[in-house]
C-alpha atoms as a PDB file:
ATOM      1  CA  ILE A   1       0.000   0.000   0.000  1.00  0.00           C
ATOM      2  CA  TYR A   2       1.566   3.259  -1.085  1.00  0.00           C
ATOM      3  CA  CYS A   3       1.322   6.175   1.358  1.00  0.00           C
ATOM      4  CA  SER A   4       3.470   8.834  -0.209  1.00  0.00           C
ATOM      5  CA  MET A   5       5.165   8.955  -3.590  1.00  0.00           C
ATOM      6  CA  ALA A   6       8.207  10.912  -2.492  1.00  0.00           C
ATOM      7  CA  ARG A   7      10.623   8.596  -4.275  1.00  0.00           C
ATOM      8  CA  ILE A   8       8.971   8.881  -7.662  1.00  0.00           C
ATOM      9  CA  VAL A   9       7.953  12.529  -7.696  1.00  0.00           C
ATOM     10  CA  SER A  10      10.405  13.126 -10.538  1.00  0.00           C
ATOM     11  CA  GLU A  11       8.577  10.517 -12.649  1.00  0.00           C
ATOM     12  CA  TYR A  12       5.261  12.263 -11.987  1.00  0.00           C
ATOM     13  CA  GLN A  13       6.822  15.566 -13.024  1.00  0.00           C
ATOM     14  CA  LYS A  14       7.828  14.007 -16.342  1.00  0.00           C
ATOM     15  CA  ILE A  15       4.377  12.506 -16.885  1.00  0.00           C
ATOM     16  CA  TYR A  16       2.273  15.502 -15.857  1.00  0.00           C
ATOM     17  CA  GLY A  17       4.568  18.323 -16.954  1.00  0.00           C
ATOM     18  CA  ASN A  18       2.880  21.677 -16.359  1.00  0.00           C
ATOM     19  CA  SER A  19      -0.098  19.915 -14.761  1.00  0.00           C
ATOM     20  CA  PHE A  20       2.056  18.508 -11.953  1.00  0.00           C
ATOM     21  CA  HIS A  21       0.438  20.901  -9.452  1.00  0.00           C
ATOM     22  CA  LEU A  22      -2.783  18.865  -9.782  1.00  0.00           C
ATOM     23  CA  VAL A  23      -1.204  15.871  -8.006  1.00  0.00           C
ATOM     24  CA  LYS A  24       1.356  17.723  -5.883  1.00  0.00           C
ATOM     25  CA  GLU A  25      -0.955  18.142  -2.870  1.00  0.00           C
ATOM     26  CA  ARG A  26      -1.763  14.447  -2.712  1.00  0.00           C
ATOM     27  CA  LEU A  27       1.892  13.516  -3.027  1.00  0.00           C
ATOM     28  CA  ALA A  28       2.872  15.849  -0.221  1.00  0.00           C
ATOM     29  CA  ARG A  29       0.442  14.618   2.425  1.00  0.00           C
ATOM     30  CA  PHE A  30      -0.296  11.331   4.114  1.00  0.00           C
ATOM     31  CA  ASP A  31      -3.691  10.290   2.772  1.00  0.00           C
ATOM     32  CA  HIS A  32      -4.581   7.863   5.580  1.00  0.00           C
ATOM     33  CA  ASP A  33      -8.235   7.594   4.480  1.00  0.00           C
ATOM     34  CA  ARG A  34      -7.177   6.344   1.050  1.00  0.00           C
ATOM     35  CA  VAL A  35      -4.682   3.946   2.636  1.00  0.00           C
ATOM     36  CA  VAL A  36      -7.413   2.450   4.836  1.00  0.00           C
ATOM     37  CA  ASP A  37      -9.739   2.188   1.817  1.00  0.00           C
ATOM     38  CA  ASP A  38      -6.987   0.324  -0.062  1.00  0.00           C
ATOM     39  CA  ILE A  39      -6.580  -2.056   2.890  1.00  0.00           C
ATOM     40  CA  LYS A  40     -10.338  -2.708   2.949  1.00  0.00           C
ATOM     41  CA  SER A  41     -10.309  -3.369  -0.790  1.00  0.00           C
ATOM     42  CA  ALA A  42      -7.443  -5.842  -0.386  1.00  0.00           C
ATOM     43  CA  LEU A  43      -9.232  -7.689   2.420  1.00  0.00           C
ATOM     44  CA  ASN A  44     -12.489  -7.887   0.447  1.00  0.00           C
ATOM     45  CA  TYR A  45     -10.667  -9.073  -2.680  1.00  0.00           C
ATOM     46  CA  PHE A  46      -8.927 -11.957  -0.917  1.00  0.00           C
ATOM     47  CA  LYS A  47     -12.050 -12.932   1.004  1.00  0.00           C
ATOM     48  CA  ARG A  48     -13.968 -13.211  -2.270  1.00  0.00           C
ATOM     49  CA  ARG A  49     -11.130 -14.956  -4.060  1.00  0.00           C
ATOM     50  CA  LEU A  50     -10.057 -17.454  -1.381  1.00  0.00           C
ATOM     51  CA  GLY A  51     -13.082 -17.763   0.896  1.00  0.00           C
ATOM     52  CA  ARG A  52     -12.528 -20.235   3.734  1.00  0.00           C
ATOM     53  CA  HIS A  53      -8.990 -20.933   2.488  1.00  0.00           C
ATOM     54  CA  LEU A  54      -7.891 -17.422   3.436  1.00  0.00           C
ATOM     55  CA  GLU A  55      -5.579 -17.636   6.435  1.00  0.00           C
ATOM     56  CA  ARG A  56      -4.073 -14.183   6.711  1.00  0.00           C
ATOM     57  CA  VAL A  57      -3.719 -10.874   4.881  1.00  0.00           C
ATOM     58  CA  SER A  58      -0.672  -8.791   5.767  1.00  0.00           C
ATOM     59  CA  ILE A  59      -0.009  -5.237   4.654  1.00  0.00           C
ATOM     60  CA  THR A  60       3.239  -3.436   3.847  1.00  0.00           C
ATOM     61  CA  ILE A  61       3.016   0.344   4.009  1.00  0.00           C
ATOM     62  CA  VAL A  62       5.384   1.743   1.371  1.00  0.00           C
ATOM     63  CA  ASP A  63       6.635   5.124   2.522  1.00  0.00           C
ATOM     64  CA  ASP A  64      10.019   6.798   2.936  1.00  0.00           C
ATOM     65  CA  THR A  65       9.473   7.314   6.664  1.00  0.00           C
ATOM     66  CA  MET A  66       6.404   6.695   8.787  1.00  0.00           C
ATOM     67  CA  THR A  67       6.159   9.638  11.198  1.00  0.00           C
ATOM     68  CA  PRO A  68       4.450   9.379  14.605  1.00  0.00           C
ATOM     69  CA  ARG A  69       1.659  11.712  13.451  1.00  0.00           C
ATOM     70  CA  ASN A  70       1.000   9.750  10.261  1.00  0.00           C
ATOM     71  CA  PHE A  71       1.074   6.474  12.163  1.00  0.00           C
ATOM     72  CA  GLU A  72      -1.412   7.816  14.710  1.00  0.00           C
ATOM     73  CA  LEU A  73      -3.828   8.763  11.904  1.00  0.00           C
ATOM     74  CA  LEU A  74      -3.510   5.321  10.310  1.00  0.00           C
ATOM     75  CA  TYR A  75      -3.683   3.365  13.568  1.00  0.00           C
ATOM     76  CA  ASN A  76      -6.755   5.212  14.834  1.00  0.00           C
ATOM     77  CA  SER A  77      -8.528   4.641  11.508  1.00  0.00           C
ATOM     78  CA  LEU A  78      -7.726   0.914  11.591  1.00  0.00           C
ATOM     79  CA  MET A  79      -9.069   0.687  15.152  1.00  0.00           C
ATOM     80  CA  GLU A  80     -12.231   2.677  14.393  1.00  0.00           C
ATOM     81  CA  ASP A  81     -12.997   0.526  11.343  1.00  0.00           C
ATOM     82  CA  GLY A  82     -12.362  -2.722  13.259  1.00  0.00           C
ATOM     83  CA  LEU A  83      -9.601  -3.810  10.891  1.00  0.00           C
ATOM     84  CA  MET A  84      -6.888  -4.632  13.433  1.00  0.00           C
ATOM     85  CA  ASP A  85      -8.311  -8.079  14.214  1.00  0.00           C
ATOM     86  CA  GLU A  86      -8.668  -8.899  10.507  1.00  0.00           C
ATOM     87  CA  LEU A  87      -5.060  -8.180   9.561  1.00  0.00           C
ATOM     88  CA  GLY A  88      -2.076 -10.475  10.021  1.00  0.00           C
ATOM     89  CA  TYR A  89       0.959  -8.204  10.009  1.00  0.00           C
ATOM     90  CA  ILE A  90       1.383  -4.528   9.183  1.00  0.00           C
ATOM     91  CA  LYS A  91       4.896  -3.555   8.136  1.00  0.00           C
ATOM     92  CA  PHE A  92       6.284  -0.045   7.712  1.00  0.00           C
ATOM     93  CA  GLN A  93       9.586   1.830   7.677  1.00  0.00           C
ATOM     94  CA  THR A  94      10.715   4.580  10.044  1.00  0.00           C
ATOM     95  CA  ARG A  95      13.730   6.309  11.607  1.00  0.00           C
ATOM     96  CA  PRO A  96      15.317   5.498  14.989  1.00  0.00           C
ATOM     97  CA  ASP A  97      14.397   8.911  16.403  1.00  0.00           C
ATOM     98  CA  MET A  98      10.693   8.181  15.782  1.00  0.00           C
ATOM     99  CA  VAL A  99      10.543   4.610  17.077  1.00  0.00           C
ATOM    100  CA  GLU A 100       9.630   5.251  20.707  1.00  0.00           C
ATOM    101  CA  ARG A 101       6.793   7.677  19.963  1.00  0.00           C
ATOM    102  CA  ILE A 102       5.309   5.257  17.427  1.00  0.00           C
ATOM    103  CA  VAL A 103       5.543   2.208  19.707  1.00  0.00           C
ATOM    104  CA  ASN A 104       3.848   4.107  22.536  1.00  0.00           C
ATOM    105  CA  LEU A 105       0.810   4.635  20.292  1.00  0.00           C
ATOM    106  CA  ILE A 106       0.200   0.880  19.865  1.00  0.00           C
ATOM    107  CA  ASP A 107      -1.970  -1.033  22.343  1.00  0.00           C
ATOM    108  CA  THR A 108       0.068  -3.827  23.937  1.00  0.00           C
ATOM    109  CA  LYS A 109      -2.188  -6.607  22.618  1.00  0.00           C
ATOM    110  CA  TYR A 110      -1.677  -5.477  19.011  1.00  0.00           C
ATOM    111  CA  ARG A 111       2.086  -4.891  19.072  1.00  0.00           C
ATOM    112  CA  SER A 112       2.960  -8.350  17.763  1.00  0.00           C
ATOM    113  CA  LYS A 113       1.005  -7.494  14.587  1.00  0.00           C
ATOM    114  CA  PHE A 114       3.456  -4.729  13.646  1.00  0.00           C
ATOM    115  CA  ILE A 115       6.784  -5.179  11.870  1.00  0.00           C
ATOM    116  CA  ILE A 116       8.851  -2.012  12.167  1.00  0.00           C
ATOM    117  CA  ASP A 117      11.695  -1.684   9.667  1.00  0.00           C
ATOM    118  CA  VAL A 118      14.129   0.864  11.082  1.00  0.00           C
ATOM    119  CA  GLY A 119      17.113   2.384   9.279  1.00  0.00           C
ATOM    120  CA  LEU A 120      19.718   2.352  12.058  1.00  0.00           C
ATOM    121  CA  GLU A 121      22.553   2.609   9.501  1.00  0.00           C
ATOM    122  CA  PHE A 122      25.556   3.801  11.557  1.00  0.00           C
ATOM    123  CA  LEU A 123      26.675   3.768  15.181  1.00  0.00           C
ATOM    124  CA  SER A 124      29.792   5.826  14.438  1.00  0.00           C
ATOM    125  CA  SER A 125      29.229   9.491  15.350  1.00  0.00           C
ATOM    126  CA  LYS A 126      31.461  10.602  12.474  1.00  0.00           C
ATOM    127  CA  ASP A 127      29.546   8.560   9.903  1.00  0.00           C
ATOM    128  CA  LEU A 128      26.231   9.859  11.251  1.00  0.00           C
ATOM    129  CA  THR A 129      27.531  13.421  10.912  1.00  0.00           C
ATOM    130  CA  PHE A 130      28.859  12.798   7.395  1.00  0.00           C
ATOM    131  CA  THR A 131      25.518  11.434   6.192  1.00  0.00           C
ATOM    132  CA  ARG A 132      23.550  14.176   8.013  1.00  0.00           C
ATOM    133  CA  ARG A 133      21.057  11.783   9.556  1.00  0.00           C
ATOM    134  CA  GLY A 134      20.023  14.266  12.248  1.00  0.00           C
ATOM    135  CA  TYR A 135      20.272  11.902  15.224  1.00  0.00           C
ATOM    136  CA  ASP A 136      23.081  10.547  17.390  1.00  0.00           C
ATOM    137  CA  LYS A 137      24.445   7.269  18.740  1.00  0.00           C
ATOM    138  CA  ALA A 138      22.361   7.491  21.921  1.00  0.00           C
ATOM    139  CA  THR A 139      19.169   7.709  19.832  1.00  0.00           C
ATOM    140  CA  ILE A 140      20.059   4.486  18.009  1.00  0.00           C
ATOM    141  CA  LEU A 141      20.827   2.593  21.213  1.00  0.00           C
ATOM    142  CA  ARG A 142      17.585   3.841  22.768  1.00  0.00           C
ATOM    143  CA  ALA A 143      15.608   2.736  19.684  1.00  0.00           C
ATOM    144  CA  ILE A 144      17.095  -0.773  19.935  1.00  0.00           C
ATOM    145  CA  ASP A 145      16.161  -1.021  23.623  1.00  0.00           C
ATOM    146  CA  VAL A 146      12.599   0.144  22.907  1.00  0.00           C
ATOM    147  CA  LEU A 147      12.148  -2.249  19.987  1.00  0.00           C
ATOM    148  CA  LYS A 148      13.565  -5.227  21.871  1.00  0.00           C
ATOM    149  CA  SER A 149      11.309  -4.743  24.909  1.00  0.00           C
ATOM    150  CA  SER A 150       8.158  -3.465  23.175  1.00  0.00           C
ATOM    151  CA  GLY A 151       6.678  -6.687  21.812  1.00  0.00           C
ATOM    152  CA  VAL A 152       6.712  -5.505  18.176  1.00  0.00           C
ATOM    153  CA  ARG A 153       8.573  -7.407  15.497  1.00  0.00           C
ATOM    154  CA  TRP A 154      11.416  -5.413  13.982  1.00  0.00           C
ATOM    155  CA  THR A 155      13.991  -5.462  11.246  1.00  0.00           C
ATOM    156  CA  ALA A 156      16.940  -3.121  10.795  1.00  0.00           C
ATOM    157  CA  TYR A 157      19.227  -1.820   8.067  1.00  0.00           C
ATOM    158  CA  VAL A 158      22.924  -1.263   8.880  1.00  0.00           C
ATOM    159  CA  ILE A 159      25.748   0.140   6.713  1.00  0.00           C
ATOM    160  CA  LEU A 160      29.276  -0.816   7.754  1.00  0.00           C
ATOM    161  CA  SER A 161      31.224   2.147   6.344  1.00  0.00           C
ATOM    162  CA  THR A 162      31.251   5.500   4.542  1.00  0.00           C
ATOM    163  CA  PRO A 163      34.044   6.986   2.391  1.00  0.00           C
ATOM    164  CA  PHE A 164      35.380   8.708   5.526  1.00  0.00           C
ATOM    165  CA  SER A 165      35.232   5.759   7.932  1.00  0.00           C
ATOM    166  CA  ARG A 166      38.367   4.885   9.849  1.00  0.00           C
ATOM    167  CA  ALA A 167      39.004   1.635  11.720  1.00  0.00           C
ATOM    168  CA  GLU A 168      37.356   2.952  14.900  1.00  0.00           C
ATOM    169  CA  ASP A 169      34.219   3.962  12.963  1.00  0.00           C
ATOM    170  CA  LEU A 170      34.137   0.618  11.209  1.00  0.00           C
ATOM    171  CA  LYS A 171      34.305  -1.208  14.540  1.00  0.00           C
ATOM    172  CA  SER A 172      31.352   0.805  15.909  1.00  0.00           C
ATOM    173  CA  ASN A 173      29.237   0.028  12.853  1.00  0.00           C
ATOM    174  CA  ILE A 174      30.090  -3.688  12.868  1.00  0.00           C
ATOM    175  CA  ASP A 175      29.319  -3.829  16.596  1.00  0.00           C
ATOM    176  CA  LEU A 176      25.900  -2.359  15.753  1.00  0.00           C
ATOM    177  CA  ALA A 177      25.325  -5.011  13.084  1.00  0.00           C
ATOM    178  CA  LEU A 178      26.245  -7.773  15.545  1.00  0.00           C
ATOM    179  CA  GLU A 179      23.861  -6.410  18.163  1.00  0.00           C
ATOM    180  CA  VAL A 180      21.046  -6.253  15.614  1.00  0.00           C
ATOM    181  CA  ALA A 181      21.873  -9.786  14.432  1.00  0.00           C
ATOM    182  CA  PHE A 182      21.182 -11.128  17.922  1.00  0.00           C
ATOM    183  CA  LYS A 183      18.185  -8.937  18.784  1.00  0.00           C
ATOM    184  CA  ALA A 184      16.176  -8.181  15.616  1.00  0.00           C
ATOM    185  CA  ASP A 185      13.903 -10.392  13.523  1.00  0.00           C
ATOM    186  CA  LEU A 186      15.963  -9.571  10.439  1.00  0.00           C
ATOM    187  CA  LEU A 187      19.242  -7.771   9.683  1.00  0.00           C
ATOM    188  CA  ARG A 188      19.903  -6.171   6.312  1.00  0.00           C
ATOM    189  CA  CYS A 189      23.512  -5.113   5.888  1.00  0.00           C
ATOM    190  CA  ASN A 190      25.438  -3.148   3.248  1.00  0.00           C
ATOM    191  CA  PRO A 191      29.261  -3.226   3.289  1.00  0.00           C
ATOM    192  CA  TYR A 192      29.672   0.436   2.359  1.00  0.00           C
ATOM    193  CA  LEU A 193      27.631   3.503   1.498  1.00  0.00           C
ATOM    194  CA  LEU A 194      26.299   3.021  -2.010  1.00  0.00           C
ATOM    195  CA  GLU A 195      23.819   5.648  -3.133  1.00  0.00           C
ATOM    196  CA  GLU A 196      23.236   6.517  -6.747  1.00  0.00           C
ATOM    197  CA  ASN A 197      23.767  10.153  -7.740  1.00  0.00           C
ATOM    198  CA  ASN A 198      25.178  11.045  -4.324  1.00  0.00           C
ATOM    199  CA  ALA A 199      27.448  14.003  -3.583  1.00  0.00           C
ATOM    200  CA  LEU A 200      30.735  12.077  -3.580  1.00  0.00           C
ATOM    201  CA  SER A 201      31.868  14.009  -6.636  1.00  0.00           C
ATOM    202  CA  LEU A 202      31.810  17.165  -4.508  1.00  0.00           C
ATOM    203  CA  ILE A 203      34.017  15.534  -1.879  1.00  0.00           C
ATOM    204  CA  LEU A 204      36.544  13.695  -4.031  1.00  0.00           C
ATOM    205  CA  ASP A 205      38.970  15.662  -6.177  1.00  0.00           C
ATOM    206  CA  GLU A 206      40.630  14.718  -9.474  1.00  0.00           C
ATOM    207  CA  SER A 207      43.611  13.180  -7.696  1.00  0.00           C
ATOM    208  CA  ASP A 208      41.288  10.583  -6.173  1.00  0.00           C
ATOM    209  CA  PHE A 209      40.534   9.081  -9.568  1.00  0.00           C
ATOM    210  CA  THR A 210      42.764   6.612 -11.399  1.00  0.00           C
ATOM    211  CA  TRP A 211      42.144   5.067 -14.806  1.00  0.00           C
ATOM    212  CA  HIS A 212      42.054   1.512 -16.098  1.00  0.00           C
ATOM    213  CA  GLU A 213      42.877   0.803 -19.740  1.00  0.00           C
ATOM    214  CA  VAL A 214      40.775  -1.963 -21.231  1.00  0.00           C
ATOM    215  CA  VAL A 215      41.267  -3.421 -24.720  1.00  0.00           C
ATOM    216  CA  ILE A 216      38.033  -4.591 -26.333  1.00  0.00           C
ATOM    217  CA  ASP A 217      38.583  -7.027 -29.181  1.00  0.00           C
ATOM    218  CA  CYS A 218      35.438  -7.145 -31.304  1.00  0.00           C
ATOM    219  CA  VAL A 219      35.460  -6.014 -34.925  1.00  0.00           C
ATOM    220  CA  LYS A 220      38.541  -3.953 -34.210  1.00  0.00           C
ATOM    221  CA  LYS A 221      40.635  -3.222 -31.150  1.00  0.00           C
ATOM    222  CA  VAL A 222      39.435  -0.236 -29.155  1.00  0.00           C
ATOM    223  CA  THR A 223      41.134   1.024 -26.014  1.00  0.00           C
ATOM    224  CA  VAL A 224      38.870   2.728 -23.487  1.00  0.00           C
ATOM    225  CA  ARG A 225      39.744   4.475 -20.220  1.00  0.00           C
ATOM    226  CA  ILE A 226      37.447   3.551 -17.342  1.00  0.00           C
ATOM    227  CA  PRO A 227      37.477   5.816 -14.261  1.00  0.00           C
ATOM    228  CA  TYR A 228      38.000   4.116 -10.920  1.00  0.00           C
ATOM    229  CA  ARG A 229      36.376   5.791  -7.915  1.00  0.00           C
ATOM    230  CA  PRO A 230      37.749   4.816  -4.501  1.00  0.00           C
ATOM    231  CA  ARG A 231      35.222   3.897  -1.855  1.00  0.00           C
ATOM    232  CA  PHE A 232      37.454   4.931   1.049  1.00  0.00           C
ATOM    233  CA  LYS A 233      39.425   8.136   1.650  1.00  0.00           C
ATOM    234  CA  SER A 234      41.628   6.669   4.390  1.00  0.00           C
ATOM    235  CA  SER A 235      45.413   6.488   4.148  1.00  0.00           C
ATOM    236  CA  LEU A 236      47.182   3.258   3.264  1.00  0.00           C
ATOM    237  CA  GLU A 237      48.053   2.712   6.914  1.00  0.00           C
ATOM    238  CA  GLU A 238      44.425   3.163   7.943  1.00  0.00           C
ATOM    239  CA  LEU A 239      43.228   0.845   5.166  1.00  0.00           C
ATOM    240  CA  LYS A 240      45.569  -1.819   6.584  1.00  0.00           C
ATOM    241  CA  LYS A 241      43.981  -1.394  10.012  1.00  0.00           C
ATOM    242  CA  MET A 242      40.504  -1.604   8.498  1.00  0.00           C
ATOM    243  CA  LEU A 243      41.394  -4.767   6.587  1.00  0.00           C
ATOM    244  CA  SER A 244      42.824  -6.381   9.712  1.00  0.00           C
ATOM    245  CA  LEU A 245      39.710  -5.425  11.676  1.00  0.00           C
ATOM    246  CA  VAL A 246      37.373  -6.839   9.026  1.00  0.00           C
ATOM    247  CA  GLU A 247      39.326 -10.107   8.947  1.00  0.00           C
ATOM    248  CA  ASP A 248      39.027 -10.379  12.746  1.00  0.00           C
ATOM    249  CA  PHE A 249      35.271  -9.798  12.565  1.00  0.00           C
ATOM    250  CA  ILE A 250      34.920 -12.346   9.756  1.00  0.00           C
ATOM    251  CA  THR A 251      36.571 -14.892  12.054  1.00  0.00           C
ATOM    252  CA  LEU A 252      34.372 -13.881  15.004  1.00  0.00           C
ATOM    253  CA  THR A 253      31.158 -13.955  12.959  1.00  0.00           C
ATOM    254  CA  SER A 254      32.063 -17.372  11.538  1.00  0.00           C
ATOM    255  CA  GLU A 255      32.648 -18.684  15.062  1.00  0.00           C
ATOM    256  CA  LEU A 256      29.341 -17.257  16.284  1.00  0.00           C
ATOM    257  CA  ARG A 257      27.574 -18.815  13.314  1.00  0.00           C
ATOM    258  CA  GLY A 258      29.147 -22.162  14.222  1.00  0.00           C
ATOM    259  CA  LEU A 259      27.899 -21.895  17.809  1.00  0.00           C
ATOM    260  CA  VAL A 260      24.362 -21.117  16.633  1.00  0.00           C
ATOM    261  CA  MET A 261      24.429 -24.028  14.178  1.00  0.00           C
ATOM    262  CA  HIS A 262      25.593 -26.328  16.982  1.00  0.00           C
ATOM    263  CA  SER A 263      22.714 -25.079  19.144  1.00  0.00           C
ATOM    264  CA  LEU A 264      20.258 -25.824  16.338  1.00  0.00           C
ATOM    265  CA  ARG A 265      21.435 -29.445  16.268  1.00  0.00           C
ATOM    266  CA  GLU A 266      20.645 -29.970  19.949  1.00  0.00           C
ATOM    267  CA  GLU A 267      17.678 -32.242  20.596  1.00  0.00           C
ATOM    268  CA  ASN A 268      16.191 -30.278  23.484  1.00  0.00           C
ATOM    269  CA  LEU A 269      16.372 -26.833  21.910  1.00  0.00           C
ATOM    270  CA  VAL A 270      13.894 -24.531  23.665  1.00  0.00           C
ATOM    271  CA  ASP A 271      13.641 -21.695  21.138  1.00  0.00           C
ATOM    272  CA  ARG A 272      14.547 -23.022  17.722  1.00  0.00           C
ATOM    273  CA  LYS A 273      12.990 -20.090  15.828  1.00  0.00           C
ATOM    274  CA  GLU A 274      15.133 -17.528  17.658  1.00  0.00           C
ATOM    275  CA  ASP A 275      18.320 -19.379  16.722  1.00  0.00           C
ATOM    276  CA  LEU A 276      17.208 -19.693  13.097  1.00  0.00           C
ATOM    277  CA  VAL A 277      16.776 -15.895  13.001  1.00  0.00           C
ATOM    278  CA  LYS A 278      20.271 -15.418  14.461  1.00  0.00           C
ATOM    279  CA  LEU A 279      21.720 -17.791  11.870  1.00  0.00           C
ATOM    280  CA  VAL A 280      20.135 -15.894   8.964  1.00  0.00           C
ATOM    281  CA  ASN A 281      21.326 -12.555  10.374  1.00  0.00           C
ATOM    282  CA  LEU A 282      24.885 -13.786  10.939  1.00  0.00           C
ATOM    283  CA  GLU A 283      24.977 -15.100   7.358  1.00  0.00           C
ATOM    284  CA  GLU A 284      23.918 -11.626   6.169  1.00  0.00           C
ATOM    285  CA  LEU A 285      26.635  -9.926   8.238  1.00  0.00           C
ATOM    286  CA  LEU A 286      29.271 -12.403   7.089  1.00  0.00           C
ATOM    287  CA  SER A 287      28.363 -11.740   3.447  1.00  0.00           C
ATOM    288  CA  ALA A 288      28.636  -7.963   3.985  1.00  0.00           C
ATOM    289  CA  LEU A 289      32.008  -8.345   5.733  1.00  0.00           C
ATOM    290  CA  GLU A 290      33.369 -10.467   2.870  1.00  0.00           C
ATOM    291  CA  ARG A 291      32.261  -7.830   0.338  1.00  0.00           C
ATOM    292  CA  LEU A 292      33.766  -5.076   2.480  1.00  0.00           C
ATOM    293  CA  LYS A 293      37.071  -6.951   2.628  1.00  0.00           C
ATOM    294  CA  LYS A 294      37.068  -7.247  -1.172  1.00  0.00           C
ATOM    295  CA  ALA A 295      36.359  -3.509  -1.585  1.00  0.00           C
ATOM    296  CA  LEU A 296      39.061  -2.509   0.916  1.00  0.00           C
ATOM    297  CA  ASN A 297      41.557  -4.754  -0.864  1.00  0.00           C
ATOM    298  CA  GLU A 298      40.693  -3.249  -4.243  1.00  0.00           C
ATOM    299  CA  ASP A 299      41.096   0.301  -2.944  1.00  0.00           C
ATOM    300  CA  TYR A 300      44.346  -0.586  -1.197  1.00  0.00           C
ATOM    301  CA  ILE A 301      45.835  -2.061  -4.382  1.00  0.00           C
ATOM    302  CA  GLU A 302      44.778   0.977  -6.423  1.00  0.00           C
ATOM    303  CA  ARG A 303      46.397   3.335  -3.914  1.00  0.00           C
ATOM    304  CA  VAL A 304      49.640   1.346  -3.996  1.00  0.00           C
ATOM    305  CA  LYS A 305      49.634   1.524  -7.799  1.00  0.00           C
ATOM    306  CA  GLY A 306      48.872   5.257  -7.678  1.00  0.00           C
ATOM    307  CA  LYS A 307      50.218   8.304  -5.918  1.00  0.00           C
ATOM    308  CA  GLU A 308      50.945   6.711  -2.517  1.00  0.00           C
ATOM    309  CA  ILE A 309      53.366   4.024  -3.739  1.00  0.00           C
END
């Protein structure tokens, strides 16, 4: 269910041209009445289509960020229309600084119906400042505590590094990913900041770019120069520290994964589902760490070949 269209406003501008103002108001506000109508339509459709075979209808609210005010409007409408008992899960995305206010709006008996996807991203203060997220480390830790004790289901997105991360920042971010792996229902993890059309070109200067020559042998031989953009601004010495740190965490994560797998093999396991979640999350973190190691190695080699040799 789409709430706002913030991510595709540019597409609407192309489609509507000078008439864009006709849809601008709807794009800019949270139309909770329409969202509830869409939910009702979905429920009615599946009831007609599946009848007694219908077990559960779950809803994902597609929005950049669910704010406490918007959530309150939606939640109150769902309660007033008696839809809460008819829905399985309701999933939405929000920011760590909004988590506590949103959770406090949900009646305790309905909290297990909500899946909150929160973009924790970084624990490093420097990385948070660089990406201008507008909240601090304490806010993230508080959000985790609230989510863990609230009774809601929750997933989290973590990024391990930015172009300006040093080893100490990297450690903070990996520590965050590990904590989420053991506490959340799902961890999603990116090895480094990767955003299309970001402002890296304003930060990196010409000396940060090297060139690869590639010979393409098709009809005739053509040599092309492909620009290489480093993902990390750190010095060679710092890159070494980061690589060593990542290797240590790969070892640690592998060991933790082994312990969880051993626990899953035990006959008298009390909470098998919880360990399965941990296993999936540790696999995700391990994959991100392996990709981060590869990226750090590539940048290190390029720097050795370039100006810092």
